[in-house]
N, C-alpha and C. Protein backbone atom coordinates (compact mmCIF):
# COMPACT_ATOMS: atom_id res chain seq x y z
N MET A 1 -63.68 149.37 87.58
CA MET A 1 -62.79 148.40 88.17
C MET A 1 -62.22 148.96 89.46
N GLU A 2 -62.35 148.23 90.52
CA GLU A 2 -61.85 148.67 91.82
C GLU A 2 -60.40 148.23 92.00
N ILE A 3 -59.58 149.14 92.45
CA ILE A 3 -58.17 148.84 92.70
C ILE A 3 -57.99 148.53 94.18
N ASN A 4 -57.33 147.43 94.46
CA ASN A 4 -57.09 147.01 95.83
C ASN A 4 -55.58 146.96 96.07
N PRO A 5 -54.98 148.07 96.50
CA PRO A 5 -53.52 148.09 96.67
C PRO A 5 -53.02 147.06 97.68
N GLU A 6 -53.81 146.77 98.71
CA GLU A 6 -53.36 145.82 99.72
C GLU A 6 -53.13 144.43 99.12
N ALA A 7 -53.94 144.05 98.14
CA ALA A 7 -53.76 142.76 97.48
C ALA A 7 -52.44 142.75 96.70
N HIS A 8 -52.09 143.88 96.12
CA HIS A 8 -50.82 143.97 95.38
C HIS A 8 -49.64 143.94 96.35
N TYR A 9 -49.77 144.60 97.48
CA TYR A 9 -48.69 144.56 98.48
C TYR A 9 -48.46 143.13 98.94
N LYS A 10 -49.56 142.39 99.12
CA LYS A 10 -49.47 141.00 99.57
C LYS A 10 -48.74 140.14 98.54
N ARG A 11 -49.11 140.28 97.28
CA ARG A 11 -48.47 139.48 96.23
C ARG A 11 -47.01 139.88 96.04
N LEU A 12 -46.73 141.16 96.14
CA LEU A 12 -45.36 141.65 96.05
C LEU A 12 -44.52 141.01 97.16
N GLY A 13 -45.03 141.05 98.38
CA GLY A 13 -44.32 140.46 99.51
C GLY A 13 -44.12 138.97 99.37
N GLN A 14 -45.12 138.28 98.86
CA GLN A 14 -45.00 136.83 98.64
C GLN A 14 -43.91 136.53 97.63
N ASN A 15 -43.84 137.32 96.57
CA ASN A 15 -42.80 137.11 95.57
C ASN A 15 -41.40 137.35 96.14
N ILE A 16 -41.27 138.38 96.95
CA ILE A 16 -39.97 138.65 97.59
C ILE A 16 -39.60 137.47 98.48
N ALA A 17 -40.54 136.99 99.27
CA ALA A 17 -40.27 135.87 100.18
C ALA A 17 -39.89 134.61 99.41
N GLN A 18 -40.56 134.35 98.29
CA GLN A 18 -40.24 133.16 97.50
C GLN A 18 -38.85 133.24 96.90
N ILE A 19 -38.50 134.39 96.36
CA ILE A 19 -37.16 134.56 95.79
C ILE A 19 -36.10 134.43 96.88
N ARG A 20 -36.37 135.04 98.03
CA ARG A 20 -35.43 134.94 99.15
C ARG A 20 -35.24 133.48 99.56
N ALA A 21 -36.33 132.73 99.64
CA ALA A 21 -36.25 131.32 100.04
C ALA A 21 -35.47 130.50 99.00
N LYS A 22 -35.67 130.81 97.72
CA LYS A 22 -34.91 130.12 96.66
C LYS A 22 -33.42 130.37 96.81
N ARG A 23 -33.07 131.53 97.33
CA ARG A 23 -31.65 131.87 97.53
C ARG A 23 -31.12 131.33 98.86
N LYS A 24 -32.00 130.61 99.56
CA LYS A 24 -31.67 130.01 100.86
C LYS A 24 -31.14 131.06 101.85
N MET A 25 -31.87 132.17 101.89
CA MET A 25 -31.49 133.28 102.76
C MET A 25 -32.61 133.50 103.77
N SER A 26 -32.26 133.71 105.00
CA SER A 26 -33.27 133.98 106.04
C SER A 26 -33.69 135.45 105.97
N GLN A 27 -34.82 135.73 106.60
CA GLN A 27 -35.26 137.13 106.71
C GLN A 27 -34.20 137.94 107.43
N TYR A 28 -33.63 137.36 108.48
CA TYR A 28 -32.61 138.07 109.26
C TYR A 28 -31.42 138.43 108.37
N GLN A 29 -30.96 137.47 107.57
CA GLN A 29 -29.80 137.72 106.70
C GLN A 29 -30.09 138.82 105.69
N LEU A 30 -31.26 138.73 105.05
CA LEU A 30 -31.60 139.75 104.05
C LEU A 30 -31.76 141.12 104.70
N ALA A 31 -32.43 141.16 105.82
CA ALA A 31 -32.62 142.43 106.52
C ALA A 31 -31.28 143.07 106.87
N LYS A 32 -30.35 142.26 107.33
CA LYS A 32 -29.02 142.76 107.68
C LYS A 32 -28.31 143.32 106.44
N GLU A 33 -28.45 142.62 105.31
CA GLU A 33 -27.80 143.06 104.07
C GLU A 33 -28.37 144.37 103.53
N ILE A 34 -29.65 144.62 103.78
CA ILE A 34 -30.26 145.85 103.26
C ILE A 34 -30.37 146.93 104.34
N PHE A 35 -29.76 146.67 105.49
CA PHE A 35 -29.68 147.65 106.57
C PHE A 35 -31.05 148.07 107.11
N THR A 36 -31.88 147.06 107.41
CA THR A 36 -33.18 147.32 108.02
C THR A 36 -33.42 146.27 109.11
N ASP A 37 -34.47 146.47 109.87
CA ASP A 37 -34.84 145.50 110.90
C ASP A 37 -35.55 144.32 110.27
N GLN A 38 -35.38 143.15 110.89
CA GLN A 38 -36.08 141.96 110.41
C GLN A 38 -37.59 142.18 110.47
N SER A 39 -38.07 142.88 111.49
CA SER A 39 -39.51 143.13 111.61
C SER A 39 -40.03 143.95 110.43
N ASN A 40 -39.23 144.89 109.94
CA ASN A 40 -39.63 145.68 108.78
C ASN A 40 -39.71 144.81 107.54
N LEU A 41 -38.72 143.94 107.34
CA LEU A 41 -38.75 143.03 106.20
C LEU A 41 -39.94 142.09 106.31
N ALA A 42 -40.25 141.62 107.49
CA ALA A 42 -41.40 140.74 107.70
C ALA A 42 -42.70 141.44 107.29
N ARG A 43 -42.82 142.72 107.63
CA ARG A 43 -44.02 143.48 107.24
C ARG A 43 -44.11 143.63 105.72
N ILE A 44 -42.98 143.79 105.06
CA ILE A 44 -42.97 143.87 103.60
C ILE A 44 -43.42 142.53 103.02
N GLU A 45 -42.84 141.44 103.51
CA GLU A 45 -43.18 140.12 102.98
C GLU A 45 -44.61 139.71 103.31
N ASP A 46 -45.16 140.23 104.39
CA ASP A 46 -46.56 139.95 104.75
C ASP A 46 -47.54 140.85 104.01
N GLY A 47 -47.01 141.82 103.25
CA GLY A 47 -47.88 142.71 102.49
C GLY A 47 -48.55 143.77 103.33
N LYS A 48 -47.96 144.08 104.48
CA LYS A 48 -48.58 145.05 105.38
C LYS A 48 -48.08 146.47 105.16
N VAL A 49 -47.04 146.63 104.36
CA VAL A 49 -46.51 147.97 104.06
C VAL A 49 -46.22 148.08 102.57
N ASN A 50 -46.13 149.29 102.12
CA ASN A 50 -45.79 149.60 100.74
C ASN A 50 -44.31 149.99 100.72
N PRO A 51 -43.42 149.09 100.30
CA PRO A 51 -41.99 149.41 100.33
C PRO A 51 -41.64 150.48 99.30
N THR A 52 -40.62 151.26 99.62
CA THR A 52 -40.16 152.29 98.69
C THR A 52 -39.40 151.63 97.54
N VAL A 53 -39.27 152.37 96.47
CA VAL A 53 -38.48 151.88 95.32
C VAL A 53 -37.05 151.65 95.77
N LYS A 54 -36.53 152.53 96.61
CA LYS A 54 -35.17 152.39 97.11
C LYS A 54 -35.00 151.06 97.84
N THR A 55 -35.97 150.69 98.66
CA THR A 55 -35.91 149.42 99.39
C THR A 55 -35.98 148.25 98.42
N LEU A 56 -36.86 148.33 97.44
CA LEU A 56 -36.98 147.25 96.45
C LEU A 56 -35.69 147.07 95.66
N ILE A 57 -35.02 148.16 95.35
CA ILE A 57 -33.74 148.08 94.64
C ILE A 57 -32.69 147.41 95.52
N LYS A 58 -32.65 147.77 96.79
CA LYS A 58 -31.71 147.13 97.72
C LYS A 58 -31.96 145.62 97.80
N ILE A 59 -33.24 145.24 97.94
CA ILE A 59 -33.58 143.82 98.04
C ILE A 59 -33.19 143.09 96.76
N SER A 60 -33.51 143.66 95.62
CA SER A 60 -33.20 142.99 94.35
C SER A 60 -31.70 142.86 94.14
N THR A 61 -30.94 143.84 94.59
CA THR A 61 -29.49 143.77 94.45
C THR A 61 -28.93 142.62 95.27
N VAL A 62 -29.38 142.50 96.51
CA VAL A 62 -28.90 141.42 97.38
C VAL A 62 -29.35 140.06 96.87
N LEU A 63 -30.59 139.98 96.38
CA LEU A 63 -31.12 138.70 95.90
C LEU A 63 -30.70 138.39 94.45
N LYS A 64 -29.97 139.32 93.83
CA LYS A 64 -29.47 139.14 92.47
C LYS A 64 -30.60 138.83 91.49
N CYS A 65 -31.59 139.71 91.51
CA CYS A 65 -32.71 139.59 90.60
C CYS A 65 -33.14 140.99 90.18
N SER A 66 -34.11 141.05 89.32
CA SER A 66 -34.64 142.34 88.87
C SER A 66 -35.82 142.75 89.74
N VAL A 67 -35.99 144.04 89.93
CA VAL A 67 -37.15 144.53 90.67
C VAL A 67 -38.43 144.05 90.00
N LYS A 68 -38.43 143.96 88.69
CA LYS A 68 -39.64 143.52 87.98
C LYS A 68 -40.03 142.09 88.35
N ASP A 69 -39.08 141.27 88.80
CA ASP A 69 -39.41 139.91 89.25
C ASP A 69 -40.37 139.94 90.45
N PHE A 70 -40.31 140.97 91.25
CA PHE A 70 -41.20 141.08 92.39
C PHE A 70 -42.65 141.35 91.98
N PHE A 71 -42.81 141.90 90.77
CA PHE A 71 -44.13 142.29 90.28
C PHE A 71 -44.68 141.30 89.26
N ASP A 72 -44.22 140.08 89.28
CA ASP A 72 -44.67 139.05 88.34
C ASP A 72 -45.97 138.44 88.85
N PHE A 73 -47.06 139.21 88.70
CA PHE A 73 -48.38 138.72 89.10
C PHE A 73 -49.42 139.29 88.25
C-alpha cells in the first residue's frame, strides 16, 4: 500500500477550512487569533504544508473543536 502524505495534508486542510467556515470566521481572523500570517494559514488549508501539532492545537482551540475533528477522513 502506497502512502500519499500530500493527499492527507489536502484533506486535513479542507476539514480545517470547513470548520472555520461553519464558525463564520475568515482566514484573516483565524490567522490573527493563532498569531500567524494569513498566507501561512492559506497554505495549511490548501494542503501545501504539514502543520505542526502545536499549530493544530492553536487552531482547534480558537475554533472550539477537537484536533481529531481535523482528521475525520
